[in-house]
Amino acid sequence: MKVKIRFNFYNDRHKSKGPGRGWWGPPKGTHSARIRRNASVAAPFGASIINAKPMDDLNQDEDYEISRHSDLAADIAYELDLDEDMLAEDLTDWAIDSQSRSGLVYQRAATQEFGAKLSSYAVNRMQKLGMSQSANLNDERLVIRYIYDASRQYVGNGMTLYRGSSHRESNALESWTTDPRIAAFYVRREGGGKVLKKFFSADQILGTYQVGIGLEAAREVVVINRS
């Protein structure tokens, strides 16, 4: 029998809108673009601020990216005996906006499974949305553990990654990229920020675009922030 993932974190399901945003933050006009755009960027421990020339455009095929997450959901649902359609919807919501309800649920699951640390913004948003801080997230933890295990073949001993950011604080799960030009593209699109460069050890990496999580067009790698 297929088991539906039960998101006790929130009262109703959430549909994110807009093109595939990955874990690059909420759409323009929301928190990151409106409030943090002009914030000074303090490089996180072990990171440096670099100069990088942005690529001219990022060819994001939304239908293709959604299909990739659907394929991943099918694999996970089969292995873990979960509801495939519901999982596909939630992984896609997470990919579109890391601050959607689904995105926040998986960030919270990462705190339980990997000891990740929620940002103050994520905590405040969860409170605003009435999301429980004590929900049972066993299924979501199984999902992110599956993604973690499936990505080991791609991370080696670690990866040097890049991120375009105007944030002072890291998220529990955060998108970086293997290409500095892509990071610079996001800085230009958001109207501010810096390009960060950092080496992440293998155990700091949740998943890579090769396994179907995150945006392939952005060469996305999702990292785990524990501090």
Protein backbone atom coordinates (compact mmCIF):
# COMPACT_ATOMS: atom_id res chain seq x y z
CA MET A 1 0.00 0.00 0.00
CA LYS A 2 1.32 3.40 -0.95
CA VAL A 3 1.71 5.75 1.99
CA LYS A 4 0.88 9.41 1.48
CA ILE A 5 3.40 11.81 3.00
CA ARG A 6 1.51 13.71 5.65
CA PHE A 7 2.75 17.25 6.05
CA ASN A 8 1.67 18.06 9.60
CA PHE A 9 3.81 21.19 9.32
CA TYR A 10 0.99 23.16 7.79
CA ASN A 11 -2.76 23.39 7.53
CA ASP A 12 -3.25 23.46 3.77
CA ARG A 13 -1.27 22.60 0.66
CA HIS A 14 0.69 25.30 -1.06
CA LYS A 15 1.11 25.90 -4.79
CA SER A 16 4.18 27.93 -5.64
CA LYS A 17 3.95 30.09 -8.75
CA GLY A 18 6.46 31.22 -11.31
CA PRO A 19 9.39 29.69 -13.20
CA GLY A 20 11.72 27.17 -11.65
CA ARG A 21 13.58 29.09 -8.97
CA GLY A 22 15.43 26.24 -7.31
CA TRP A 23 16.80 27.02 -3.87
CA TRP A 24 17.87 30.42 -5.10
CA GLY A 25 15.25 32.16 -3.01
CA PRO A 26 11.72 33.51 -3.32
CA PRO A 27 10.55 35.50 -6.37
CA LYS A 28 11.32 39.17 -6.78
CA GLY A 29 9.30 41.42 -4.55
CA THR A 30 9.51 39.07 -1.59
CA HIS A 31 11.92 38.91 1.31
CA SER A 32 15.26 38.34 -0.38
CA ALA A 33 14.77 40.84 -3.19
CA ARG A 34 12.93 43.59 -1.28
CA ILE A 35 14.56 43.55 2.14
CA ARG A 36 17.96 41.99 1.64
CA ARG A 37 18.90 43.34 -1.76
CA ASN A 38 20.98 46.17 -0.33
CA ALA A 39 22.30 44.27 2.66
CA SER A 40 26.05 43.92 2.96
CA VAL A 41 27.22 40.38 2.39
CA ALA A 42 29.40 38.73 4.99
CA ALA A 43 31.04 35.64 3.52
CA PRO A 44 30.21 32.53 5.61
CA PHE A 45 33.02 30.67 7.33
CA GLY A 46 35.36 29.17 4.74
CA ALA A 47 33.88 31.19 1.84
CA SER A 48 35.37 34.03 -0.15
CA ILE A 49 33.87 36.78 -2.29
CA ILE A 50 35.03 36.66 -5.90
CA ASN A 51 34.53 38.56 -9.14
CA ALA A 52 32.80 36.60 -11.89
CA LYS A 53 31.32 37.54 -15.26
CA PRO A 54 27.68 36.49 -15.54
CA MET A 55 26.48 34.35 -18.41
CA ASP A 56 24.17 36.16 -20.80
CA ASP A 57 21.14 34.01 -20.08
CA LEU A 58 20.13 30.87 -18.20
CA ASN A 59 18.02 28.62 -20.39
CA GLN A 60 15.50 27.22 -17.93
CA ASP A 61 13.02 24.83 -19.54
CA GLU A 62 10.33 24.66 -16.87
CA ASP A 63 8.59 21.60 -18.33
CA TYR A 64 11.88 19.71 -18.49
CA GLU A 65 12.87 20.65 -14.94
CA ILE A 66 9.47 19.59 -13.61
CA SER A 67 9.77 16.27 -15.45
CA ARG A 68 13.15 15.66 -13.80
CA HIS A 69 11.64 16.11 -10.36
CA SER A 70 8.75 13.84 -11.33
CA ASP A 71 11.22 11.15 -12.39
CA LEU A 72 13.07 11.47 -9.09
CA ALA A 73 9.78 11.29 -7.19
CA ALA A 74 8.88 8.08 -9.04
CA ASP A 75 12.20 6.47 -8.05
CA ILE A 76 11.91 7.55 -4.41
CA ALA A 77 8.24 6.59 -4.16
CA TYR A 78 9.01 3.12 -5.49
CA GLU A 79 11.91 2.57 -3.10
CA LEU A 80 10.21 4.02 -0.02
CA ASP A 81 6.60 3.05 -0.80
CA LEU A 82 5.31 6.64 -0.82
CA ASP A 83 2.62 8.34 -2.87
CA GLU A 84 4.29 9.28 -6.18
CA ASP A 85 2.00 12.09 -7.31
CA MET A 86 2.07 13.87 -3.98
CA LEU A 87 5.83 13.53 -3.70
CA ALA A 88 6.33 14.88 -7.24
CA GLU A 89 4.21 17.92 -6.40
CA ASP A 90 6.13 18.62 -3.21
CA LEU A 91 9.59 18.20 -4.75
CA THR A 92 8.57 20.57 -7.53
CA ASP A 93 7.23 23.14 -5.05
CA TRP A 94 10.51 22.88 -3.16
CA ALA A 95 12.49 23.39 -6.36
CA ILE A 96 10.42 26.41 -7.40
CA ASP A 97 10.72 28.18 -4.05
CA SER A 98 12.72 27.07 -1.03
CA GLN A 99 10.52 29.24 1.18
CA SER A 100 7.29 27.56 0.06
CA ARG A 101 5.59 25.36 2.63
CA SER A 102 7.08 22.27 1.02
CA GLY A 103 10.52 23.88 0.96
CA LEU A 104 10.26 24.80 4.62
CA VAL A 105 9.15 21.28 5.51
CA TYR A 106 12.26 19.79 3.93
CA GLN A 107 14.48 22.38 5.58
CA ARG A 108 12.98 21.37 8.91
CA ALA A 109 13.49 17.69 8.05
CA ALA A 110 17.17 18.47 7.40
CA THR A 111 17.50 19.82 10.93
CA GLN A 112 16.27 16.48 12.26
CA GLU A 113 18.16 14.21 9.88
CA PHE A 114 21.45 16.08 9.41
CA GLY A 115 21.61 18.62 12.23
CA ALA A 116 21.11 21.56 9.85
CA LYS A 117 20.36 24.98 11.29
CA LEU A 118 17.29 26.94 10.23
CA SER A 119 17.74 30.60 9.37
CA SER A 120 15.89 33.13 11.49
CA TYR A 121 13.88 34.07 8.41
CA ALA A 122 12.75 30.45 7.92
CA VAL A 123 11.75 30.18 11.59
CA ASN A 124 9.78 33.42 11.41
CA ARG A 125 8.08 32.38 8.18
CA MET A 126 7.08 29.02 9.68
CA GLN A 127 5.56 30.81 12.64
CA LYS A 128 3.71 33.22 10.36
CA LEU A 129 2.29 30.29 8.37
CA GLY A 130 1.27 28.44 11.52
CA MET A 131 3.60 25.51 10.81
CA SER A 132 4.26 23.13 13.69
CA GLN A 133 7.79 22.96 15.07
CA SER A 134 7.24 19.46 16.46
CA ALA A 135 5.72 17.61 13.51
CA ASN A 136 6.67 14.00 12.78
CA LEU A 137 8.81 14.22 9.63
CA ASN A 138 9.91 10.59 9.31
CA ASP A 139 8.85 10.33 5.66
CA GLU A 140 10.50 13.60 4.68
CA ARG A 141 13.68 12.52 6.44
CA LEU A 142 13.67 9.30 4.43
CA VAL A 143 13.30 11.33 1.23
CA ILE A 144 16.28 13.61 1.90
CA ARG A 145 18.37 10.68 3.10
CA TYR A 146 17.61 8.91 -0.19
CA ILE A 147 18.72 12.01 -2.11
CA TYR A 148 21.88 12.23 0.00
CA ASP A 149 22.79 8.59 -0.58
CA ALA A 150 22.07 8.75 -4.32
CA SER A 151 24.40 11.74 -4.70
CA ARG A 152 27.52 10.15 -3.19
CA GLN A 153 28.80 9.03 -6.59
CA TYR A 154 28.92 12.65 -7.79
CA VAL A 155 30.44 14.50 -4.83
CA GLY A 156 33.76 12.69 -4.38
CA ASN A 157 35.62 14.08 -1.38
CA GLY A 158 33.89 17.40 -1.79
CA MET A 159 33.17 20.19 -4.28
CA THR A 160 34.11 23.82 -4.83
CA LEU A 161 30.83 25.67 -5.36
CA TYR A 162 29.57 29.19 -6.03
CA ARG A 163 26.51 31.16 -4.96
CA GLY A 164 25.07 34.54 -5.84
CA SER A 165 23.77 35.93 -2.57
CA SER A 166 22.64 39.09 -0.82
CA HIS A 167 21.88 37.19 2.38
CA ARG A 168 23.62 37.67 5.70
CA GLU A 169 22.40 34.30 6.97
CA SER A 170 22.45 30.82 5.44
CA ASN A 171 19.45 28.53 5.05
CA ALA A 172 19.39 24.97 6.41
CA LEU A 173 19.38 23.72 2.82
CA GLU A 174 20.86 26.10 0.30
CA SER A 175 21.52 26.14 -3.44
CA TRP A 176 24.97 26.59 -4.83
CA THR A 177 26.27 25.94 -8.34
CA THR A 178 29.32 24.44 -9.97
CA ASP A 179 29.63 27.42 -12.35
CA PRO A 180 30.61 30.92 -11.09
CA ARG A 181 29.01 32.50 -14.18
CA ILE A 182 25.63 31.12 -13.08
CA ALA A 183 26.09 32.56 -9.59
CA ALA A 184 26.91 35.93 -11.17
CA PHE A 185 23.81 35.64 -13.37
CA TYR A 186 21.61 35.42 -10.27
CA VAL A 187 23.35 38.41 -8.67
CA ARG A 188 22.60 40.46 -11.78
CA ARG A 189 19.00 39.24 -12.00
CA GLU A 190 18.27 40.02 -8.34
CA GLY A 191 19.81 43.48 -8.63
CA GLY A 192 22.52 43.06 -5.99
CA GLY A 193 24.68 40.77 -3.93
CA LYS A 194 28.04 39.07 -4.29
CA VAL A 195 29.40 35.87 -5.77
CA LEU A 196 30.62 33.53 -3.04
CA LYS A 197 33.07 30.67 -3.49
CA LYS A 198 33.44 27.85 -1.00
CA PHE A 199 34.69 24.27 -0.77
CA PHE A 200 32.17 21.88 0.77
CA SER A 201 33.20 18.48 2.08
CA ALA A 202 31.15 15.51 0.90
CA ASP A 203 29.11 15.30 4.10
CA GLN A 204 28.01 18.93 3.64
CA ILE A 205 26.36 18.18 0.30
CA LEU A 206 22.78 16.93 0.26
CA GLY A 207 22.31 16.39 -3.46
CA THR A 208 23.39 17.33 -6.96
CA TYR A 209 21.45 18.07 -10.12
CA GLN A 210 22.63 14.77 -11.62
CA VAL A 211 20.26 12.82 -9.37
CA GLY A 212 17.33 15.05 -10.30
CA ILE A 213 17.17 17.48 -7.39
CA GLY A 214 17.56 21.17 -8.10
CA LEU A 215 17.85 22.79 -11.52
CA GLU A 216 20.02 21.17 -14.16
CA ALA A 217 20.16 24.46 -16.07
CA ALA A 218 21.72 26.06 -12.99
CA ARG A 219 24.11 23.14 -12.34
CA GLU A 220 22.59 23.19 -8.87
CA VAL A 221 24.07 21.53 -5.82
CA VAL A 222 22.14 21.63 -2.54
CA VAL A 223 24.28 21.97 0.56
CA ILE A 224 23.55 21.38 4.26
CA ASN A 225 24.32 24.26 6.59
CA ARG A 226 24.91 23.12 10.17
CA SER A 227 25.99 26.49 11.55
